[in-house]
C-alpha atoms as a PDB file:
ATOM      1  CA  MET A   1      51.242-147.273 188.191  1.00  0.00           C
ATOM      2  CA  ALA A   2      52.496-144.573 190.536  1.00  0.00           C
ATOM      3  CA  THR A   3      51.443-145.071 194.137  1.00  0.00           C
ATOM      4  CA  ALA A   4      50.857-142.879 197.128  1.00  0.00           C
ATOM      5  CA  SER A   5      54.076-143.852 198.880  1.00  0.00           C
ATOM      6  CA  ARG A   6      56.710-141.223 199.640  1.00  0.00           C
ATOM      7  CA  THR A   7      60.247-141.494 198.397  1.00  0.00           C
ATOM      8  CA  ASP A   8      63.444-140.018 199.802  1.00  0.00           C
ATOM      9  CA  SER A   9      63.577-137.588 196.884  1.00  0.00           C
ATOM     10  CA  SER A  10      60.086-136.211 197.550  1.00  0.00           C
ATOM     11  CA  PRO A  11      60.002-132.610 198.796  1.00  0.00           C
ATOM     12  CA  MET A  12      58.944-131.962 202.379  1.00  0.00           C
ATOM     13  CA  LEU A  13      55.294-130.995 201.949  1.00  0.00           C
ATOM     14  CA  GLN A  14      53.664-128.519 204.310  1.00  0.00           C
ATOM     15  CA  ALA A  15      50.440-127.406 202.645  1.00  0.00           C
ATOM     16  CA  ILE A  16      47.773-128.491 200.147  1.00  0.00           C
ATOM     17  CA  ILE A  17      45.625-126.883 197.485  1.00  0.00           C
ATOM     18  CA  PHE A  18      42.590-129.048 196.762  1.00  0.00           C
ATOM     19  CA  ASP A  19      40.314-129.085 193.759  1.00  0.00           C
ATOM     20  CA  LEU A  20      36.635-129.230 194.784  1.00  0.00           C
ATOM     21  CA  ASP A  21      34.409-131.114 192.299  1.00  0.00           C
ATOM     22  CA  GLY A  22      35.479-134.738 192.043  1.00  0.00           C
ATOM     23  CA  THR A  23      38.169-134.323 194.696  1.00  0.00           C
ATOM     24  CA  LEU A  24      36.589-133.167 197.946  1.00  0.00           C
ATOM     25  CA  ALA A  25      32.921-133.340 196.949  1.00  0.00           C
ATOM     26  CA  ASP A  26      30.812-135.591 194.731  1.00  0.00           C
ATOM     27  CA  THR A  27      28.856-132.923 192.870  1.00  0.00           C
ATOM     28  CA  ILE A  28      28.043-134.601 189.584  1.00  0.00           C
ATOM     29  CA  GLY A  29      24.452-135.592 190.378  1.00  0.00           C
ATOM     30  CA  ASP A  30      23.343-132.019 191.022  1.00  0.00           C
ATOM     31  CA  ILE A  31      25.274-130.659 188.045  1.00  0.00           C
ATOM     32  CA  GLY A  32      23.775-133.234 185.693  1.00  0.00           C
ATOM     33  CA  ALA A  33      20.243-132.780 187.011  1.00  0.00           C
ATOM     34  CA  ALA A  34      20.378-128.994 186.679  1.00  0.00           C
ATOM     35  CA  VAL A  35      21.746-128.997 183.135  1.00  0.00           C
ATOM     36  CA  ASN A  36      19.488-131.838 181.989  1.00  0.00           C
ATOM     37  CA  SER A  37      16.412-129.992 183.259  1.00  0.00           C
ATOM     38  CA  LEU A  38      17.210-127.162 180.858  1.00  0.00           C
ATOM     39  CA  LEU A  39      18.149-129.433 177.981  1.00  0.00           C
ATOM     40  CA  SER A  40      14.912-131.350 178.413  1.00  0.00           C
ATOM     41  CA  GLU A  41      12.766-128.212 178.316  1.00  0.00           C
ATOM     42  CA  ARG A  42      14.486-127.092 175.124  1.00  0.00           C
ATOM     43  CA  GLY A  43      14.224-130.477 173.449  1.00  0.00           C
ATOM     44  CA  TYR A  44      17.993-131.024 173.336  1.00  0.00           C
ATOM     45  CA  PRO A  45      19.641-134.419 173.933  1.00  0.00           C
ATOM     46  CA  LEU A  46      20.295-135.304 177.579  1.00  0.00           C
ATOM     47  CA  HIS A  47      23.462-136.777 179.073  1.00  0.00           C
ATOM     48  CA  ASP A  48      24.028-139.265 181.869  1.00  0.00           C
ATOM     49  CA  ASN A  49      26.354-138.614 184.792  1.00  0.00           C
ATOM     50  CA  ALA A  50      29.192-140.609 183.245  1.00  0.00           C
ATOM     51  CA  VAL A  51      29.252-138.099 180.392  1.00  0.00           C
ATOM     52  CA  TYR A  52      29.051-135.105 182.734  1.00  0.00           C
ATOM     53  CA  LYS A  53      32.085-136.440 184.592  1.00  0.00           C
ATOM     54  CA  ARG A  54      34.063-135.937 181.389  1.00  0.00           C
ATOM     55  CA  MET A  55      32.634-132.447 180.859  1.00  0.00           C
ATOM     56  CA  VAL A  56      33.496-130.864 184.216  1.00  0.00           C
ATOM     57  CA  GLY A  57      36.798-129.279 185.118  1.00  0.00           C
ATOM     58  CA  ASN A  58      37.195-126.287 182.811  1.00  0.00           C
ATOM     59  CA  GLY A  59      34.488-124.027 184.217  1.00  0.00           C
ATOM     60  CA  PHE A  60      30.699-124.050 183.959  1.00  0.00           C
ATOM     61  CA  ALA A  61      30.555-122.188 180.661  1.00  0.00           C
ATOM     62  CA  ASN A  62      32.803-124.771 179.015  1.00  0.00           C
ATOM     63  CA  LEU A  63      30.656-127.555 180.462  1.00  0.00           C
ATOM     64  CA  MET A  64      27.622-125.959 178.818  1.00  0.00           C
ATOM     65  CA  ARG A  65      29.397-125.726 175.459  1.00  0.00           C
ATOM     66  CA  ARG A  66      30.007-129.446 175.662  1.00  0.00           C
ATOM     67  CA  ALA A  67      26.471-130.271 176.845  1.00  0.00           C
ATOM     68  CA  LEU A  68      24.612-128.276 174.182  1.00  0.00           C
ATOM     69  CA  PRO A  69      24.303-129.282 170.535  1.00  0.00           C
ATOM     70  CA  ALA A  70      27.169-127.742 168.554  1.00  0.00           C
ATOM     71  CA  SER A  71      24.825-125.592 166.456  1.00  0.00           C
ATOM     72  CA  VAL A  72      23.291-124.099 169.603  1.00  0.00           C
ATOM     73  CA  ALA A  73      26.633-123.463 171.292  1.00  0.00           C
ATOM     74  CA  ALA A  74      27.809-121.651 168.151  1.00  0.00           C
ATOM     75  CA  ASP A  75      25.070-119.032 168.535  1.00  0.00           C
ATOM     76  CA  GLU A  76      26.777-116.798 171.100  1.00  0.00           C
ATOM     77  CA  THR A  77      23.659-114.873 172.093  1.00  0.00           C
ATOM     78  CA  LEU A  78      21.605-118.002 172.609  1.00  0.00           C
ATOM     79  CA  PHE A  79      24.494-119.771 174.299  1.00  0.00           C
ATOM     80  CA  ALA A  80      25.023-116.953 176.796  1.00  0.00           C
ATOM     81  CA  ALA A  81      21.330-116.990 177.758  1.00  0.00           C
ATOM     82  CA  LEU A  82      21.257-120.770 178.169  1.00  0.00           C
ATOM     83  CA  ALA A  83      24.488-120.805 180.173  1.00  0.00           C
ATOM     84  CA  ARG A  84      23.100-118.170 182.564  1.00  0.00           C
ATOM     85  CA  GLU A  85      19.863-120.117 182.990  1.00  0.00           C
ATOM     86  CA  ALA A  86      21.676-123.405 183.612  1.00  0.00           C
ATOM     87  CA  ALA A  87      23.994-121.764 186.147  1.00  0.00           C
ATOM     88  CA  SER A  88      20.981-120.307 187.958  1.00  0.00           C
ATOM     89  CA  ARG A  89      19.295-123.700 188.076  1.00  0.00           C
ATOM     90  CA  TYR A  90      22.447-125.317 189.366  1.00  0.00           C
ATOM     91  CA  ALA A  91      22.940-122.673 192.062  1.00  0.00           C
ATOM     92  CA  ALA A  92      19.402-123.343 193.297  1.00  0.00           C
ATOM     93  CA  ARG A  93      19.970-127.082 193.686  1.00  0.00           C
ATOM     94  CA  SER A  94      23.733-127.438 194.097  1.00  0.00           C
ATOM     95  CA  LEU A  95      23.458-129.088 197.521  1.00  0.00           C
ATOM     96  CA  GLU A  96      20.533-131.444 196.956  1.00  0.00           C
ATOM     97  CA  THR A  97      22.615-134.611 196.581  1.00  0.00           C
ATOM     98  CA  THR A  98      26.177-133.252 196.773  1.00  0.00           C
ATOM     99  CA  ARG A  99      28.219-134.705 199.618  1.00  0.00           C
ATOM    100  CA  PRO A 100      31.874-134.996 200.594  1.00  0.00           C
ATOM    101  CA  PHE A 101      33.499-138.161 199.316  1.00  0.00           C
ATOM    102  CA  GLU A 102      33.865-140.879 201.940  1.00  0.00           C
ATOM    103  CA  GLY A 103      36.898-140.237 204.124  1.00  0.00           C
ATOM    104  CA  ILE A 104      37.281-136.566 203.202  1.00  0.00           C
ATOM    105  CA  PRO A 105      35.977-134.980 206.450  1.00  0.00           C
ATOM    106  CA  ALA A 106      38.130-137.250 208.610  1.00  0.00           C
ATOM    107  CA  MET A 107      41.171-136.546 206.442  1.00  0.00           C
ATOM    108  CA  LEU A 108      40.641-132.780 206.718  1.00  0.00           C
ATOM    109  CA  GLU A 109      40.265-133.029 210.488  1.00  0.00           C
ATOM    110  CA  THR A 110      43.534-134.948 210.769  1.00  0.00           C
ATOM    111  CA  LEU A 111      45.380-132.451 208.573  1.00  0.00           C
ATOM    112  CA  ALA A 112      44.087-129.616 210.758  1.00  0.00           C
ATOM    113  CA  ARG A 113      45.355-131.340 213.911  1.00  0.00           C
ATOM    114  CA  ARG A 114      48.758-131.723 212.261  1.00  0.00           C
ATOM    115  CA  GLY A 115      48.874-128.046 211.363  1.00  0.00           C
ATOM    116  CA  VAL A 116      48.805-128.581 207.600  1.00  0.00           C
ATOM    117  CA  ARG A 117      47.611-125.457 205.774  1.00  0.00           C
ATOM    118  CA  CYS A 118      44.871-126.184 203.231  1.00  0.00           C
ATOM    119  CA  ALA A 119      43.197-124.182 200.476  1.00  0.00           C
ATOM    120  CA  ILE A 120      40.702-124.819 197.679  1.00  0.00           C
ATOM    121  CA  LEU A 121      41.022-123.682 194.061  1.00  0.00           C
ATOM    122  CA  SER A 122      38.135-124.559 191.753  1.00  0.00           C
ATOM    123  CA  ASN A 123      36.954-123.696 188.259  1.00  0.00           C
ATOM    124  CA  LYS A 124      33.378-123.652 189.614  1.00  0.00           C
ATOM    125  CA  PRO A 125      31.972-120.094 189.850  1.00  0.00           C
ATOM    126  CA  ASP A 126      33.421-118.363 192.908  1.00  0.00           C
ATOM    127  CA  ASP A 127      30.151-117.753 194.764  1.00  0.00           C
ATOM    128  CA  MET A 128      29.057-121.371 194.296  1.00  0.00           C
ATOM    129  CA  THR A 129      32.472-122.585 195.434  1.00  0.00           C
ATOM    130  CA  LYS A 130      32.385-120.541 198.637  1.00  0.00           C
ATOM    131  CA  ASN A 131      28.764-121.474 199.440  1.00  0.00           C
ATOM    132  CA  MET A 132      29.416-125.162 198.872  1.00  0.00           C
ATOM    133  CA  VAL A 133      32.558-125.266 200.986  1.00  0.00           C
ATOM    134  CA  GLU A 134      30.849-123.417 203.825  1.00  0.00           C
ATOM    135  CA  ALA A 135      27.941-125.884 203.749  1.00  0.00           C
ATOM    136  CA  LEU A 136      29.960-129.091 203.384  1.00  0.00           C
ATOM    137  CA  PHE A 137      33.013-128.288 205.506  1.00  0.00           C
ATOM    138  CA  PRO A 138      31.842-125.795 208.147  1.00  0.00           C
ATOM    139  CA  SER A 139      34.461-126.787 210.724  1.00  0.00           C
ATOM    140  CA  THR A 140      37.470-126.634 208.398  1.00  0.00           C
ATOM    141  CA  ARG A 141      39.444-123.389 208.279  1.00  0.00           C
ATOM    142  CA  PHE A 142      40.875-123.053 204.786  1.00  0.00           C
ATOM    143  CA  LEU A 143      43.597-120.550 204.043  1.00  0.00           C
ATOM    144  CA  ALA A 144      41.727-119.593 200.868  1.00  0.00           C
ATOM    145  CA  VAL A 145      38.630-120.764 198.977  1.00  0.00           C
ATOM    146  CA  LEU A 146      38.667-119.502 195.393  1.00  0.00           C
ATOM    147  CA  GLY A 147      36.543-120.238 192.348  1.00  0.00           C
ATOM    148  CA  ASP A 148      36.215-118.886 188.835  1.00  0.00           C
ATOM    149  CA  ARG A 149      36.052-115.066 188.809  1.00  0.00           C
ATOM    150  CA  PRO A 150      35.844-112.547 185.955  1.00  0.00           C
ATOM    151  CA  GLY A 151      39.231-111.292 184.846  1.00  0.00           C
ATOM    152  CA  VAL A 152      41.165-114.007 186.664  1.00  0.00           C
ATOM    153  CA  PRO A 153      42.659-116.890 184.675  1.00  0.00           C
ATOM    154  CA  ARG A 154      41.233-120.268 185.622  1.00  0.00           C
ATOM    155  CA  LYS A 155      43.153-123.502 186.018  1.00  0.00           C
ATOM    156  CA  PRO A 156      45.452-124.765 184.519  1.00  0.00           C
ATOM    157  CA  ASP A 157      46.938-121.269 184.682  1.00  0.00           C
ATOM    158  CA  PRO A 158      49.034-121.325 187.896  1.00  0.00           C
ATOM    159  CA  GLN A 159      48.482-117.680 188.845  1.00  0.00           C
ATOM    160  CA  GLU A 160      45.992-118.256 191.651  1.00  0.00           C
ATOM    161  CA  ALA A 161      47.803-121.308 193.008  1.00  0.00           C
ATOM    162  CA  LEU A 162      50.983-119.250 193.245  1.00  0.00           C
ATOM    163  CA  ALA A 163      49.085-116.375 194.881  1.00  0.00           C
ATOM    164  CA  ILE A 164      47.763-118.739 197.550  1.00  0.00           C
ATOM    165  CA  ALA A 165      51.265-120.017 198.239  1.00  0.00           C
ATOM    166  CA  ALA A 166      52.687-116.498 198.388  1.00  0.00           C
ATOM    167  CA  SER A 167      50.027-115.380 200.875  1.00  0.00           C
ATOM    168  CA  SER A 168      50.957-118.247 203.188  1.00  0.00           C
ATOM    169  CA  GLY A 169      54.711-117.660 203.220  1.00  0.00           C
ATOM    170  CA  ILE A 170      55.215-121.336 202.360  1.00  0.00           C
ATOM    171  CA  PRO A 171      57.286-121.851 199.181  1.00  0.00           C
ATOM    172  CA  ALA A 172      55.412-123.352 196.234  1.00  0.00           C
ATOM    173  CA  GLU A 173      57.662-126.428 196.217  1.00  0.00           C
ATOM    174  CA  ARG A 174      56.353-127.297 199.701  1.00  0.00           C
ATOM    175  CA  TRP A 175      52.763-127.446 198.445  1.00  0.00           C
ATOM    176  CA  ALA A 176      50.817-130.402 197.076  1.00  0.00           C
ATOM    177  CA  PHE A 177      48.141-129.772 194.475  1.00  0.00           C
ATOM    178  CA  ILE A 178      45.495-132.499 194.709  1.00  0.00           C
ATOM    179  CA  GLY A 179      42.803-132.987 192.085  1.00  0.00           C
ATOM    180  CA  ASP A 180      41.038-135.509 189.885  1.00  0.00           C
ATOM    181  CA  SER A 181      41.779-134.208 186.371  1.00  0.00           C
ATOM    182  CA  ASP A 182      44.612-133.396 184.013  1.00  0.00           C
ATOM    183  CA  VAL A 183      43.710-129.720 184.516  1.00  0.00           C
ATOM    184  CA  ASP A 184      44.637-130.031 188.190  1.00  0.00           C
ATOM    185  CA  MET A 185      47.827-131.934 187.480  1.00  0.00           C
ATOM    186  CA  ARG A 186      48.916-129.351 184.908  1.00  0.00           C
ATOM    187  CA  THR A 187      48.123-126.532 187.358  1.00  0.00           C
ATOM    188  CA  GLY A 188      50.194-128.090 190.107  1.00  0.00           C
ATOM    189  CA  ARG A 189      53.164-128.737 187.861  1.00  0.00           C
ATOM    190  CA  ALA A 190      53.037-125.239 186.353  1.00  0.00           C
ATOM    191  CA  ALA A 191      53.085-123.792 189.875  1.00  0.00           C
ATOM    192  CA  GLY A 192      56.089-125.893 190.877  1.00  0.00           C
ATOM    193  CA  MET A 193      54.003-127.923 193.305  1.00  0.00           C
ATOM    194  CA  THR A 194      53.717-131.682 193.771  1.00  0.00           C
ATOM    195  CA  ALA A 195      50.741-132.805 191.679  1.00  0.00           C
ATOM    196  CA  LEU A 196      48.854-135.727 193.232  1.00  0.00           C
ATOM    197  CA  GLY A 197      45.978-137.450 191.451  1.00  0.00           C
ATOM    198  CA  ALA A 198      42.750-138.301 193.280  1.00  0.00           C
ATOM    199  CA  SER A 199      41.709-141.601 191.695  1.00  0.00           C
ATOM    200  CA  TRP A 200      38.320-141.615 193.476  1.00  0.00           C
ATOM    201  CA  GLY A 201      37.218-138.668 191.339  1.00  0.00           C
ATOM    202  CA  TYR A 202      35.746-138.279 187.876  1.00  0.00           C
ATOM    203  CA  ARG A 203      38.691-138.904 185.545  1.00  0.00           C
ATOM    204  CA  SER A 204      40.892-141.905 184.813  1.00  0.00           C
ATOM    205  CA  VAL A 205      44.285-142.729 186.265  1.00  0.00           C
ATOM    206  CA  ASP A 206      45.664-142.620 182.733  1.00  0.00           C
ATOM    207  CA  GLU A 207      44.490-139.013 182.368  1.00  0.00           C
ATOM    208  CA  LEU A 208      46.034-138.051 185.697  1.00  0.00           C
ATOM    209  CA  LEU A 209      49.371-139.584 184.773  1.00  0.00           C
ATOM    210  CA  ALA A 210      49.320-137.996 181.326  1.00  0.00           C
ATOM    211  CA  GLY A 211      48.645-134.651 183.009  1.00  0.00           C
ATOM    212  CA  GLY A 212      51.802-135.003 185.061  1.00  0.00           C
ATOM    213  CA  ALA A 213      50.719-136.579 188.359  1.00  0.00           C
ATOM    214  CA  SER A 214      53.695-137.357 190.582  1.00  0.00           C
ATOM    215  CA  ALA A 215      51.660-140.087 192.261  1.00  0.00           C
ATOM    216  CA  ILE A 216      48.158-141.515 192.346  1.00  0.00           C
ATOM    217  CA  LEU A 217      46.190-141.443 195.596  1.00  0.00           C
ATOM    218  CA  LYS A 218      43.847-144.401 195.980  1.00  0.00           C
ATOM    219  CA  THR A 219      41.876-143.053 198.950  1.00  0.00           C
ATOM    220  CA  PRO A 220      41.728-139.762 200.870  1.00  0.00           C
ATOM    221  CA  SER A 221      43.641-141.367 203.734  1.00  0.00           C
ATOM    222  CA  ASP A 222      46.644-141.773 201.420  1.00  0.00           C
ATOM    223  CA  ILE A 223      47.085-138.008 201.672  1.00  0.00           C
ATOM    224  CA  LEU A 224      47.955-138.358 205.336  1.00  0.00           C
ATOM    225  CA  ASP A 225      50.998-140.511 204.545  1.00  0.00           C
ATOM    226  CA  ARG A 226      52.651-137.403 203.070  1.00  0.00           C
ATOM    227  CA  PHE A 227      52.022-135.083 205.972  1.00  0.00           C
END
């Protein structure tokens, strides 16, 4: 297994783009509760959090397509209405149980003291992403906090990751892209960044490696070894 240790051939890293769900924050309880509340009212099968961990990562609409029965998701009018309702329910309760993963606040504070530029790029809706980051990490100054927005390609398209790098003046090859899914690893690699897998998140180490992770981080403090 790849480890968090640096090698002589590793690029000199100066900045980080983080994923949010499953990387900085443990959000799955609130996501699952919000979606299950709607599924229950409609008489559809429910899912436990272990299943929701496999559904997240490609945007809320895609999560809903996976959570709903296939016949329901195929009805585009019905699907759109249910997806809007589920998103509204999630927005209303998105901070009930959501917390930063252990070690994340201390890691961010240390990076700030070292002058490491940090940003967040999520496939969660943009307004939810910004509200959550402001609530969970009020003392951290991120270069950018971006979520899913209409007309903008979501991860694994590298467009927004490259835009963040360009706005900073730091070349893409000096950035790490840290996340917990193959989507994040593919985004980082497509942007020419160093893709690092967060093994404390929602997906397996095997998925991270298959997605192109350069190394696997066992704990948030492993990030500090690279900066």
